[in-house]
Amino acid sequence: MKRKVIAGLLSATMCMSLLFTGCGGAKENKGTAEKKETKESEMHIAISANPPSLDPQSINSNIVGGLGVHIYEPLFAMSENYEPTPVLAKSYEVSEDGTVYTIKLREGVKFHNGEEMKADDVIASMNRWLEVSAKAKTLIGGSVFEKVDDYTVTLKVNQASSDIIMILASPIQFAAIYPADVAETATAEGIKEYIGTGPYKVADWKQDQYVKLEKNEAYQPAEEVSTGLAGEKKAATETLYFDVVTDTATRIAGVQSGQYDIAEEIPADNYEELSKDKNLEMSVERGGTLNLFLNTTEGIMADVNMRQAVLAALNCEDILLASYGNPDLFEANASWSIPTDTQWGTDAGKEYYNQNDVDKAKELLQKAGYNNEKLVLVTTPDYQEMYNATLVVQEQLKKAGINAEVESYDFSTFMEHRADPKQYSMFITSNSYNMLPIQLSVLDKGWAGLDRPEVSEGIEKIRSAANAEDASAAWADLQTFLYEYGAATVIGHYTGISAMRAEVEDVGYLRFPIYWNATTTK
């Protein structure tokens, strides 16, 4: 016997709807009565960094993911209630032992090149995703997709787990479906052609200037209503320009003047001033955590006492204030998950968090045998909160007697340095919340080099737990290990801010801003 799940009847392994705020839907605008009915054919969105790639399978980046969801589609995606929902899949069945998933595909779905999506494309794309997505490899590495017929595939996993479809629907490094030849000819640098089945297709990409997306006139949306990253996608505005505007002041001035319809990544210290502008609407979404990742493998940083000295020196509240300005826009809390999450929110390991203890830091430096070795903090000014936080951490480390030096790069170069433990001692990134804690970047050895059996064992305990309570306890143990080992620390929880012209309507949000139903008027 098989257990069958029909499209539209999927349920998640947990209820996530209470964990996030502002997840999509139309926004109410000031000045609505004054607007004309003529819809603009173009929308300009100012983004804060040049995307390092348009290959969302392999790149752990919000900008790549946020662009990618408009171009490509996965088999399953998250609804606004954080339920995995069929997109290119039609339905699936699970074997009694939980190790084989038989997935039926939608028929007649066309790629941007006019070719129909079939099982060969799904097999090539998904098996590549299992190799290049660090999150997929960590969680279901060794699994394999196989073809049954043109519209049916199977996924064979090594171990039964209740979170398999949730993992397939994860929005970061998501399981985008490409044409088979695109997936098969991809190199270590990524795919060579940007062809998907999404509501928009890539019309032009000028590095450091813009990514231009045009409406896919042949798009065939799912029949369900628009919900989160799933359901109907209208491509309501014909052309989307994602303009690369790394300077914050330029993004703000541009949205105020009308040059841009939307400006993403608005610093918190500009929030109150812009809120008073009657021509703008401010979008505030509870987004994730600001994190400090430590090198655990190279030089003096390989000594746990050195890493604990860094943690002891930190005053997280001061770091957050420098990063976000307004205390209403951040929260100091040790949890790697959203603190109010009844299953995954925990302050386990809090004794290592926000210590602000210079004397303890100096004692630990002595235990580590620290001899004024230079510690390199890599960062990027393309994300002002990350840059500001890095400068404050540098000063706090200097007060504890640590020779801390900041190296600043553009976002793409920063990502290259961050990926190589020989080129940094630590780095700060803002990381959006994940559906499951096992998807956190801190647990991915490809992110900051943490490669410990305690991590793989902890993930296994979470995934094989007999019930939610046991899974929660296993996650609390793993979070404690992260702090005890000095692998990383949460600095605090942030909200993401965008500024929009008052004429803009129907921008959604789920992990990323969603623009396929958005419009603006003259």
Protein backbone atom coordinates (compact mmCIF):
# COMPACT_ATOMS: atom_id res chain seq x y z
CA MET A 1 0.00 0.00 0.00
CA LYS A 2 1.08 3.55 -0.63
CA ARG A 3 0.07 6.73 1.08
CA LYS A 4 -1.11 9.24 -1.52
CA VAL A 5 -0.99 13.02 -1.21
CA ILE A 6 -3.03 15.03 -3.74
CA ALA A 7 -2.19 18.58 -4.83
CA GLY A 8 -3.88 21.06 -2.53
CA LEU A 9 -4.13 18.60 0.36
CA LEU A 10 -0.52 18.76 1.53
CA SER A 11 0.15 19.50 5.16
CA ALA A 12 3.47 20.53 6.68
CA THR A 13 5.27 18.69 9.42
CA MET A 14 4.73 21.70 11.62
CA CYS A 15 2.65 24.86 11.60
CA MET A 16 4.83 27.79 10.64
CA SER A 17 2.17 30.39 10.10
CA LEU A 18 2.52 31.85 13.57
CA LEU A 19 6.26 32.23 13.27
CA PHE A 20 6.49 35.00 10.73
CA THR A 21 4.79 38.30 10.11
CA GLY A 22 3.77 40.11 6.95
CA CYS A 23 3.93 37.05 4.70
CA GLY A 24 2.49 38.38 1.49
CA GLY A 25 -0.77 39.86 0.36
CA ALA A 26 -1.72 43.31 -0.80
CA LYS A 27 -0.60 46.32 1.14
CA GLU A 28 -2.81 49.27 1.86
CA ASN A 29 -1.51 52.45 0.28
CA LYS A 30 -1.63 56.08 1.24
CA GLY A 31 -3.01 58.26 -1.50
CA THR A 32 -4.98 55.46 -3.19
CA ALA A 33 -7.81 57.81 -4.12
CA GLU A 34 -5.42 60.03 -6.02
CA LYS A 35 -4.00 57.27 -8.22
CA LYS A 36 -4.89 56.85 -11.86
CA GLU A 37 -5.87 53.45 -13.18
CA THR A 38 -3.18 53.17 -15.86
CA LYS A 39 -0.77 50.40 -14.94
CA GLU A 40 2.90 50.91 -15.67
CA SER A 41 4.54 48.31 -17.91
CA GLU A 42 7.85 48.54 -16.03
CA MET A 43 8.82 48.35 -12.38
CA HIS A 44 12.25 49.33 -11.08
CA ILE A 45 13.49 47.64 -7.91
CA ALA A 46 16.74 48.91 -6.40
CA ILE A 47 18.71 46.03 -4.88
CA SER A 48 21.74 46.46 -2.68
CA ALA A 49 24.27 44.16 -4.33
CA ASN A 50 25.17 42.62 -7.66
CA PRO A 51 23.95 39.00 -7.75
CA PRO A 52 27.01 36.72 -7.91
CA SER A 53 25.01 34.27 -10.04
CA LEU A 54 21.56 33.49 -11.39
CA ASP A 55 21.90 29.85 -10.36
CA PRO A 56 19.80 29.47 -7.19
CA GLN A 57 20.57 25.76 -6.85
CA SER A 58 24.19 26.38 -5.91
CA ILE A 59 24.33 29.84 -4.32
CA ASN A 60 23.27 30.48 -0.71
CA SER A 61 22.24 34.09 -1.19
CA ASN A 62 19.00 35.99 -0.64
CA ILE A 63 19.56 38.10 -3.74
CA VAL A 64 20.08 35.03 -5.93
CA GLY A 65 17.08 33.30 -4.37
CA GLY A 66 14.89 36.40 -4.58
CA LEU A 67 15.62 36.85 -8.27
CA GLY A 68 15.50 33.13 -8.93
CA VAL A 69 11.94 32.55 -7.73
CA HIS A 70 10.71 34.84 -10.51
CA ILE A 71 12.61 32.91 -13.20
CA TYR A 72 12.60 29.26 -12.13
CA GLU A 73 10.19 26.94 -10.35
CA PRO A 74 10.64 23.87 -8.16
CA LEU A 75 8.54 20.75 -7.77
CA PHE A 76 7.20 22.08 -4.46
CA ALA A 77 7.24 25.51 -2.83
CA MET A 78 6.06 27.05 0.42
CA SER A 79 2.56 28.46 0.69
CA GLU A 80 1.83 31.55 2.80
CA ASN A 81 1.06 29.14 5.67
CA TYR A 82 4.50 27.52 5.26
CA GLU A 83 3.07 24.32 3.85
CA PRO A 84 4.95 22.59 1.01
CA THR A 85 2.67 22.91 -2.01
CA PRO A 86 2.96 21.39 -5.53
CA VAL A 87 4.21 23.74 -8.23
CA LEU A 88 5.68 21.67 -11.07
CA ALA A 89 4.63 18.48 -9.30
CA LYS A 90 0.99 17.40 -9.53
CA SER A 91 0.91 14.88 -6.69
CA TYR A 92 3.11 12.39 -4.90
CA GLU A 93 2.98 9.03 -3.12
CA VAL A 94 5.21 7.68 -0.36
CA SER A 95 6.10 4.03 0.07
CA GLU A 96 5.15 2.34 3.34
CA ASP A 97 8.77 2.33 4.53
CA GLY A 98 9.04 6.06 3.77
CA THR A 99 12.08 5.74 1.49
CA VAL A 100 10.55 6.08 -2.00
CA TYR A 101 8.62 9.14 -3.20
CA THR A 102 6.79 8.76 -6.50
CA ILE A 103 6.12 12.21 -7.94
CA LYS A 104 3.68 12.92 -10.76
CA LEU A 105 4.58 15.94 -12.90
CA ARG A 106 2.28 18.52 -14.44
CA GLU A 107 1.89 18.06 -18.18
CA GLY A 108 2.19 20.75 -20.82
CA VAL A 109 4.45 23.08 -18.79
CA LYS A 110 6.85 24.93 -21.11
CA PHE A 111 10.33 26.26 -20.46
CA HIS A 112 11.23 29.75 -21.63
CA ASN A 113 12.79 28.17 -24.74
CA GLY A 114 9.43 26.66 -25.74
CA GLU A 115 10.33 23.06 -24.87
CA GLU A 116 8.01 21.05 -22.63
CA MET A 117 9.25 20.15 -19.17
CA LYS A 118 9.46 16.39 -18.76
CA ALA A 119 10.98 13.84 -16.43
CA ASP A 120 14.43 13.98 -18.06
CA ASP A 121 14.65 17.68 -17.15
CA VAL A 122 13.55 17.02 -13.59
CA ILE A 123 16.00 14.14 -13.15
CA ALA A 124 18.96 16.15 -14.46
CA SER A 125 18.04 19.22 -12.39
CA MET A 126 17.26 17.45 -9.14
CA ASN A 127 20.29 15.18 -9.18
CA ARG A 128 22.48 18.22 -9.83
CA TRP A 129 20.72 20.03 -6.95
CA LEU A 130 21.54 17.12 -4.65
CA GLU A 131 25.20 17.62 -5.55
CA VAL A 132 25.60 21.40 -5.61
CA SER A 133 23.20 22.52 -2.88
CA ALA A 134 25.11 22.22 0.37
CA LYS A 135 21.84 22.18 2.29
CA ALA A 136 20.45 19.33 0.18
CA LYS A 137 23.68 17.36 0.43
CA THR A 138 23.78 17.78 4.19
CA LEU A 139 20.19 16.66 4.71
CA ILE A 140 19.46 14.10 1.99
CA GLY A 141 22.84 13.49 0.36
CA GLY A 142 23.02 10.08 -1.29
CA SER A 143 19.41 10.27 -2.41
CA VAL A 144 18.67 9.88 -6.11
CA PHE A 145 15.95 10.85 -8.58
CA GLU A 146 15.04 8.34 -11.29
CA LYS A 147 12.69 8.39 -14.27
CA VAL A 148 9.57 6.22 -14.40
CA ASP A 149 8.01 7.77 -17.50
CA ASP A 150 7.87 11.21 -19.13
CA TYR A 151 5.63 12.58 -16.37
CA THR A 152 6.66 10.50 -13.35
CA VAL A 153 9.86 10.43 -11.29
CA THR A 154 10.91 8.74 -8.07
CA LEU A 155 13.05 10.03 -5.24
CA LYS A 156 14.83 7.32 -3.28
CA VAL A 157 16.12 8.49 0.11
CA ASN A 158 18.49 6.67 2.44
CA GLN A 159 16.36 7.15 5.50
CA ALA A 160 12.69 7.79 6.15
CA SER A 161 11.96 11.23 7.54
CA SER A 162 8.90 13.40 7.84
CA ASP A 163 10.65 16.47 6.43
CA ILE A 164 11.56 15.31 2.89
CA ILE A 165 8.95 17.37 1.02
CA MET A 166 9.69 20.33 3.30
CA ILE A 167 13.35 20.11 2.23
CA LEU A 168 12.37 19.94 -1.47
CA ALA A 169 10.27 23.09 -0.94
CA SER A 170 12.94 25.09 0.89
CA PRO A 171 13.23 28.57 -0.67
CA ILE A 172 16.99 29.11 -0.23
CA GLN A 173 19.33 27.25 -2.62
CA PHE A 174 16.02 26.02 -3.91
CA ALA A 175 15.51 23.02 -6.19
CA ALA A 176 14.98 24.94 -9.43
CA ILE A 177 14.07 22.90 -12.49
CA TYR A 178 16.15 23.66 -15.59
CA PRO A 179 16.11 22.07 -19.05
CA ALA A 180 18.18 18.87 -18.98
CA ASP A 181 20.92 20.27 -21.22
CA VAL A 182 21.28 23.36 -18.99
CA ALA A 183 21.69 21.20 -15.88
CA GLU A 184 24.00 18.72 -17.58
CA THR A 185 26.33 21.35 -19.09
CA ALA A 186 26.64 23.38 -15.89
CA THR A 187 30.17 23.82 -14.57
CA ALA A 188 31.56 24.54 -11.13
CA GLU A 189 30.88 28.21 -11.88
CA GLY A 190 27.16 27.50 -12.42
CA ILE A 191 24.66 27.21 -15.23
CA LYS A 192 25.39 28.87 -18.58
CA GLU A 193 21.82 29.64 -19.66
CA TYR A 194 19.08 31.08 -17.48
CA ILE A 195 16.04 29.11 -18.60
CA GLY A 196 13.20 28.13 -16.29
CA THR A 197 9.43 27.76 -16.30
CA GLY A 198 8.69 30.82 -14.14
CA PRO A 199 6.47 33.84 -14.82
CA TYR A 200 9.47 35.91 -15.93
CA LYS A 201 12.39 35.18 -18.21
CA VAL A 202 15.82 36.79 -18.26
CA ALA A 203 15.94 39.44 -20.98
CA ASP A 204 19.27 41.03 -20.05
CA TRP A 205 21.86 40.99 -17.27
CA LYS A 206 24.42 43.77 -17.19
CA GLN A 207 26.88 43.12 -14.40
CA ASP A 208 26.84 45.78 -11.67
CA GLN A 209 23.96 47.57 -13.45
CA TYR A 210 20.73 45.57 -13.60
CA VAL A 211 18.95 42.30 -14.23
CA LYS A 212 16.03 42.76 -16.62
CA LEU A 213 13.17 40.27 -16.47
CA GLU A 214 10.36 40.15 -19.03
CA LYS A 215 6.97 38.54 -18.72
CA ASN A 216 6.82 34.94 -19.89
CA GLU A 217 3.80 35.14 -22.20
CA ALA A 218 3.61 31.34 -22.37
CA TYR A 219 3.61 30.90 -18.59
CA GLN A 220 1.26 28.23 -17.30
CA PRO A 221 0.54 28.83 -13.61
CA ALA A 222 -0.83 26.28 -11.22
CA GLU A 223 -4.60 26.39 -10.85
CA GLU A 224 -4.50 27.26 -7.16
CA VAL A 225 -4.78 30.86 -5.97
CA SER A 226 -1.56 32.73 -5.34
CA THR A 227 -0.14 31.77 -1.93
CA GLY A 228 3.39 32.49 -0.78
CA LEU A 229 5.81 31.05 -3.34
CA ALA A 230 3.15 28.79 -4.88
CA GLY A 231 -0.13 29.06 -6.74
CA GLU A 232 -1.01 31.56 -9.46
CA LYS A 233 1.72 33.97 -10.59
CA LYS A 234 0.36 36.72 -12.80
CA ALA A 235 3.47 38.57 -13.99
CA ALA A 236 1.21 41.59 -13.53
CA THR A 237 3.94 44.04 -14.57
CA GLU A 238 5.41 43.28 -17.97
CA THR A 239 9.04 44.13 -17.20
CA LEU A 240 10.94 44.06 -13.92
CA TYR A 241 14.28 45.82 -13.59
CA PHE A 242 16.36 44.79 -10.59
CA ASP A 243 18.72 47.77 -10.52
CA VAL A 244 22.01 47.22 -8.69
CA VAL A 245 22.39 50.23 -6.38
CA THR A 246 25.00 49.46 -3.74
CA ASP A 247 24.97 52.94 -2.20
CA THR A 248 22.23 53.26 0.41
CA ALA A 249 21.80 57.02 -0.03
CA THR A 250 21.35 56.57 -3.77
CA ARG A 251 18.68 53.89 -3.27
CA ILE A 252 16.81 56.15 -0.85
CA ALA A 253 17.06 59.23 -3.03
CA GLY A 254 15.96 57.17 -6.04
CA VAL A 255 12.80 55.83 -4.43
CA GLN A 256 11.95 59.27 -3.05
CA SER A 257 12.31 60.88 -6.48
CA GLY A 258 10.42 58.10 -8.28
CA GLN A 259 13.45 56.81 -10.18
CA TYR A 260 12.85 53.48 -8.41
CA ASP A 261 9.48 52.07 -7.48
CA ILE A 262 10.96 50.01 -4.66
CA ALA A 263 14.21 50.20 -2.71
CA GLU A 264 15.26 47.10 -0.80
CA GLU A 265 17.63 46.88 2.18
CA ILE A 266 16.80 50.20 3.81
CA PRO A 267 18.91 50.74 6.96
CA ALA A 268 16.93 50.86 10.16
CA ASP A 269 18.22 54.32 11.04
CA ASN A 270 16.41 55.70 7.96
CA TYR A 271 13.11 54.05 8.86
CA GLU A 272 11.51 56.84 10.93
CA GLU A 273 12.43 59.59 8.48
CA LEU A 274 11.11 57.70 5.45
CA SER A 275 7.93 56.70 7.28
CA LYS A 276 6.97 60.38 7.31
CA ASP A 277 7.18 60.65 3.51
CA LYS A 278 3.58 60.59 2.25
CA ASN A 279 4.77 59.34 -1.13
CA LEU A 280 6.22 56.16 0.36
CA GLU A 281 5.06 52.99 2.09
CA MET A 282 7.45 51.13 4.38
CA SER A 283 7.48 47.34 4.37
CA VAL A 284 8.86 45.80 7.56
CA GLU A 285 9.22 42.03 7.72
CA ARG A 286 10.67 39.99 10.57
CA GLY A 287 13.49 38.46 8.62
CA GLY A 288 16.11 36.46 10.48
CA THR A 289 19.29 36.62 12.50
CA LEU A 290 22.51 38.59 12.30
CA ASN A 291 25.28 36.06 12.93
CA LEU A 292 29.02 35.97 13.55
CA PHE A 293 30.73 32.88 12.08
CA LEU A 294 34.17 31.90 13.36
CA ASN A 295 36.90 29.98 11.57
CA THR A 296 37.29 26.69 13.44
CA THR A 297 40.10 25.15 11.39
CA GLU A 298 42.96 27.55 10.65
CA GLY A 299 45.76 28.91 12.85
CA ILE A 300 45.03 30.27 16.30
CA MET A 301 41.29 30.15 15.54
CA ALA A 302 41.45 26.35 15.68
CA ASP A 303 41.87 26.68 19.47
CA VAL A 304 38.47 26.65 21.21
CA ASN A 305 39.81 29.03 23.88
CA MET A 306 40.54 31.60 21.18
CA ARG A 307 37.03 31.34 19.82
CA GLN A 308 35.53 31.54 23.30
CA ALA A 309 37.62 34.66 23.94
CA VAL A 310 35.91 36.26 20.93
CA LEU A 311 32.46 35.32 22.23
CA ALA A 312 33.29 36.61 25.71
CA ALA A 313 34.27 40.02 24.32
CA LEU A 314 31.02 40.67 22.47
CA ASN A 315 28.38 43.18 23.53
CA CYS A 316 25.59 42.13 21.17
CA GLU A 317 23.23 44.96 22.06
CA ASP A 318 25.81 47.56 21.04
CA ILE A 319 26.47 45.68 17.80
CA LEU A 320 22.76 45.55 17.01
CA LEU A 321 22.28 49.23 17.79
CA ALA A 322 25.06 50.14 15.37
CA SER A 323 23.55 47.85 12.74
CA TYR A 324 19.87 48.76 12.99
CA GLY A 325 19.66 52.01 14.95
CA ASN A 326 16.14 51.65 16.30
CA PRO A 327 15.73 49.18 19.23
CA ASP A 328 12.20 48.46 17.99
CA LEU A 329 13.71 46.87 14.89
CA PHE A 330 15.88 44.23 16.55
CA GLU A 331 15.92 41.79 19.46
CA ALA A 332 18.90 40.47 21.42
CA ASN A 333 18.25 36.76 21.87
CA ALA A 334 20.46 33.66 21.70
CA SER A 335 18.04 31.56 19.65
CA TRP A 336 19.11 30.52 16.16
CA SER A 337 15.43 30.11 15.29
CA ILE A 338 12.67 32.63 15.74
CA PRO A 339 12.36 32.98 19.54
CA THR A 340 8.58 32.56 19.62
CA ASP A 341 8.68 29.29 17.69
CA THR A 342 7.20 26.83 20.18
CA GLN A 343 9.16 23.93 18.70
CA TRP A 344 12.50 25.37 17.65
CA GLY A 345 12.87 28.60 19.62
CA THR A 346 15.32 28.04 22.49
CA ASP A 347 17.93 30.01 24.41
CA ALA A 348 20.08 26.91 24.98
CA GLY A 349 23.71 27.97 25.33
CA LYS A 350 22.74 31.49 26.40
CA GLU A 351 25.59 31.60 28.92
CA TYR A 352 27.92 32.08 25.94
CA TYR A 353 25.78 34.81 24.39
CA ASN A 354 26.17 38.60 24.80
CA GLN A 355 28.73 38.20 27.62
CA ASN A 356 30.43 41.61 27.33
CA ASP A 357 33.20 40.32 29.62
CA VAL A 358 36.59 41.73 28.63
CA ASP A 359 38.39 40.21 31.65
CA LYS A 360 37.14 36.73 30.78
CA ALA A 361 38.18 37.26 27.17
CA LYS A 362 41.73 38.15 28.24
CA GLU A 363 41.98 35.05 30.45
CA LEU A 364 40.90 32.87 27.56
CA LEU A 365 43.44 34.54 25.27
CA GLN A 366 46.17 33.48 27.69
CA LYS A 367 44.87 29.89 27.70
CA ALA A 368 44.94 29.92 23.90
CA GLY A 369 48.55 31.13 23.85
CA TYR A 370 47.54 34.13 21.80
CA ASN A 371 50.56 36.14 20.63
CA ASN A 372 48.97 39.10 18.85
CA GLU A 373 48.21 37.12 15.70
CA LYS A 374 46.14 39.12 13.23
CA LEU A 375 42.50 38.13 13.03
CA VAL A 376 40.86 39.04 9.72
CA LEU A 377 37.19 40.08 9.69
CA VAL A 378 35.94 40.02 6.08
CA THR A 379 32.88 42.08 5.22
CA THR A 380 31.11 44.02 2.48
CA PRO A 381 29.73 47.57 2.47
CA ASP A 382 27.01 46.34 0.09
CA TYR A 383 25.09 45.25 3.23
CA GLN A 384 25.33 48.16 5.61
CA GLU A 385 24.14 46.26 8.70
CA MET A 386 26.81 43.58 8.18
CA TYR A 387 29.49 46.21 7.60
CA ASN A 388 28.54 48.31 10.63
CA ALA A 389 28.37 45.24 12.85
CA THR A 390 31.82 44.16 11.70
CA LEU A 391 33.34 47.52 12.63
CA VAL A 392 31.84 47.36 16.14
CA VAL A 393 33.04 43.79 16.62
CA GLN A 394 36.52 44.91 15.58
CA GLU A 395 36.53 47.60 18.27
CA GLN A 396 35.23 45.21 20.93
CA LEU A 397 37.92 42.68 20.09
CA LYS A 398 40.61 45.35 20.21
CA LYS A 399 39.50 46.31 23.73
CA ALA A 400 40.06 42.71 24.75
CA GLY A 401 43.59 42.80 23.31
CA ILE A 402 42.94 41.11 19.98
CA ASN A 403 44.66 42.34 16.82
CA ALA A 404 41.54 42.51 14.68
CA GLU A 405 41.68 43.82 11.10
CA VAL A 406 38.75 44.44 8.75
CA GLU A 407 38.98 43.58 5.05
CA SER A 408 36.09 44.97 2.99
CA TYR A 409 35.08 43.80 -0.48
CA ASP A 410 32.19 44.02 -2.91
CA PHE A 411 29.55 41.37 -2.23
CA SER A 412 30.72 38.85 -4.85
CA THR A 413 34.34 39.01 -3.65
CA PHE A 414 33.21 38.83 -0.03
CA MET A 415 31.35 35.62 -0.84
CA GLU A 416 34.52 34.17 -2.35
CA HIS A 417 36.58 35.01 0.75
CA ARG A 418 33.84 33.78 3.08
CA ALA A 419 33.94 30.39 1.36
CA ASP A 420 37.68 29.92 2.00
CA PRO A 421 38.75 29.50 5.67
CA LYS A 422 42.30 30.47 4.72
CA GLN A 423 41.07 33.98 3.88
CA TYR A 424 39.20 34.92 7.06
CA SER A 425 39.13 34.53 10.82
CA MET A 426 35.47 35.45 11.09
CA PHE A 427 32.65 37.10 9.18
CA ILE A 428 29.16 38.44 9.80
CA THR A 429 26.11 37.79 7.64
CA SER A 430 22.40 38.37 8.04
CA ASN A 431 20.62 35.07 7.47
CA SER A 432 16.90 34.66 6.91
CA TYR A 433 14.93 32.21 9.02
CA ASN A 434 14.72 28.64 7.79
CA MET A 435 11.74 26.31 7.84
CA LEU A 436 13.76 23.79 9.87
CA PRO A 437 16.83 24.38 12.06
CA ILE A 438 18.65 21.58 10.25
CA GLN A 439 18.70 23.91 7.22
CA LEU A 440 20.71 26.60 9.00
CA SER A 441 23.91 27.69 7.24
CA VAL A 442 25.87 27.29 10.47
CA LEU A 443 25.40 23.51 10.18
CA ASP A 444 26.70 23.45 6.61
CA LYS A 445 30.45 22.76 6.51
CA GLY A 446 30.62 24.52 3.15
CA TRP A 447 29.45 27.78 4.73
CA ALA A 448 32.06 28.41 7.42
CA GLY A 449 34.03 25.18 7.54
CA LEU A 450 32.45 23.62 10.64
CA ASP A 451 32.98 19.88 10.22
CA ARG A 452 32.28 18.05 13.47
CA PRO A 453 30.58 14.72 14.19
CA GLU A 454 28.44 16.45 16.80
CA VAL A 455 26.72 18.31 13.95
CA SER A 456 25.86 15.28 11.82
CA GLU A 457 24.86 13.32 14.91
CA GLY A 458 22.67 16.18 16.12
CA ILE A 459 20.93 16.48 12.75
CA GLU A 460 20.31 12.74 12.77
CA LYS A 461 18.76 12.89 16.24
CA ILE A 462 16.43 15.70 15.17
CA ARG A 463 15.30 13.95 11.99
CA SER A 464 14.80 10.55 13.59
CA ALA A 465 13.08 11.84 16.74
CA ALA A 466 9.98 9.90 17.75
CA ASN A 467 7.98 13.07 18.45
CA ALA A 468 8.11 16.87 18.39
CA GLU A 469 9.30 17.10 22.01
CA ASP A 470 12.28 14.83 21.35
CA ALA A 471 13.13 16.77 18.19
CA SER A 472 13.05 20.04 20.14
CA ALA A 473 15.34 18.63 22.82
CA ALA A 474 17.78 17.36 20.20
CA TRP A 475 17.90 20.79 18.57
CA ALA A 476 18.49 22.48 21.95
CA ASP A 477 21.47 20.15 22.48
CA LEU A 478 22.87 20.98 19.04
CA GLN A 479 22.45 24.73 19.57
CA THR A 480 24.27 24.39 22.89
CA PHE A 481 27.14 22.64 21.10
CA LEU A 482 27.45 25.49 18.58
CA TYR A 483 27.97 27.93 21.44
CA GLU A 484 30.21 25.65 23.52
CA TYR A 485 32.43 24.90 20.54
CA GLY A 486 32.58 28.57 19.61
CA ALA A 487 31.59 27.84 16.02
CA ALA A 488 29.35 30.88 15.73
CA THR A 489 26.99 33.11 17.64
CA VAL A 490 23.72 34.80 16.97
CA ILE A 491 24.18 38.54 17.43
CA GLY A 492 20.45 39.21 17.34
CA HIS A 493 17.22 39.10 15.36
CA TYR A 494 16.43 41.70 12.73
CA THR A 495 13.63 43.02 10.58
CA GLY A 496 14.10 43.69 6.88
CA ILE A 497 12.94 47.06 5.56
CA SER A 498 11.97 48.12 2.04
CA ALA A 499 10.62 51.46 0.87
CA MET A 500 7.98 51.54 -1.87
CA ARG A 501 6.28 54.28 -3.81
CA ALA A 502 2.68 54.66 -2.62
CA GLU A 503 1.46 53.61 -6.07
CA VAL A 504 2.94 50.12 -5.72
CA GLU A 505 0.49 47.35 -4.85
CA ASP A 506 0.44 43.61 -4.18
CA VAL A 507 4.05 42.96 -3.28
CA GLY A 508 4.22 39.65 -1.44
CA TYR A 509 6.78 38.30 0.98
CA LEU A 510 7.96 34.86 1.97
CA ARG A 511 11.67 34.69 2.67
CA PHE A 512 12.05 37.17 -0.22
CA PRO A 513 9.97 40.03 -1.62
CA ILE A 514 7.67 38.60 -4.30
CA TYR A 515 6.91 40.82 -7.30
CA TRP A 516 5.01 38.63 -9.77
CA ASN A 517 1.62 40.01 -8.73
CA ALA A 518 2.87 43.54 -8.07
CA THR A 519 1.83 46.61 -10.04
CA THR A 520 2.42 50.33 -10.02
CA THR A 521 0.30 53.09 -11.55
CA LYS A 522 1.00 56.42 -13.15
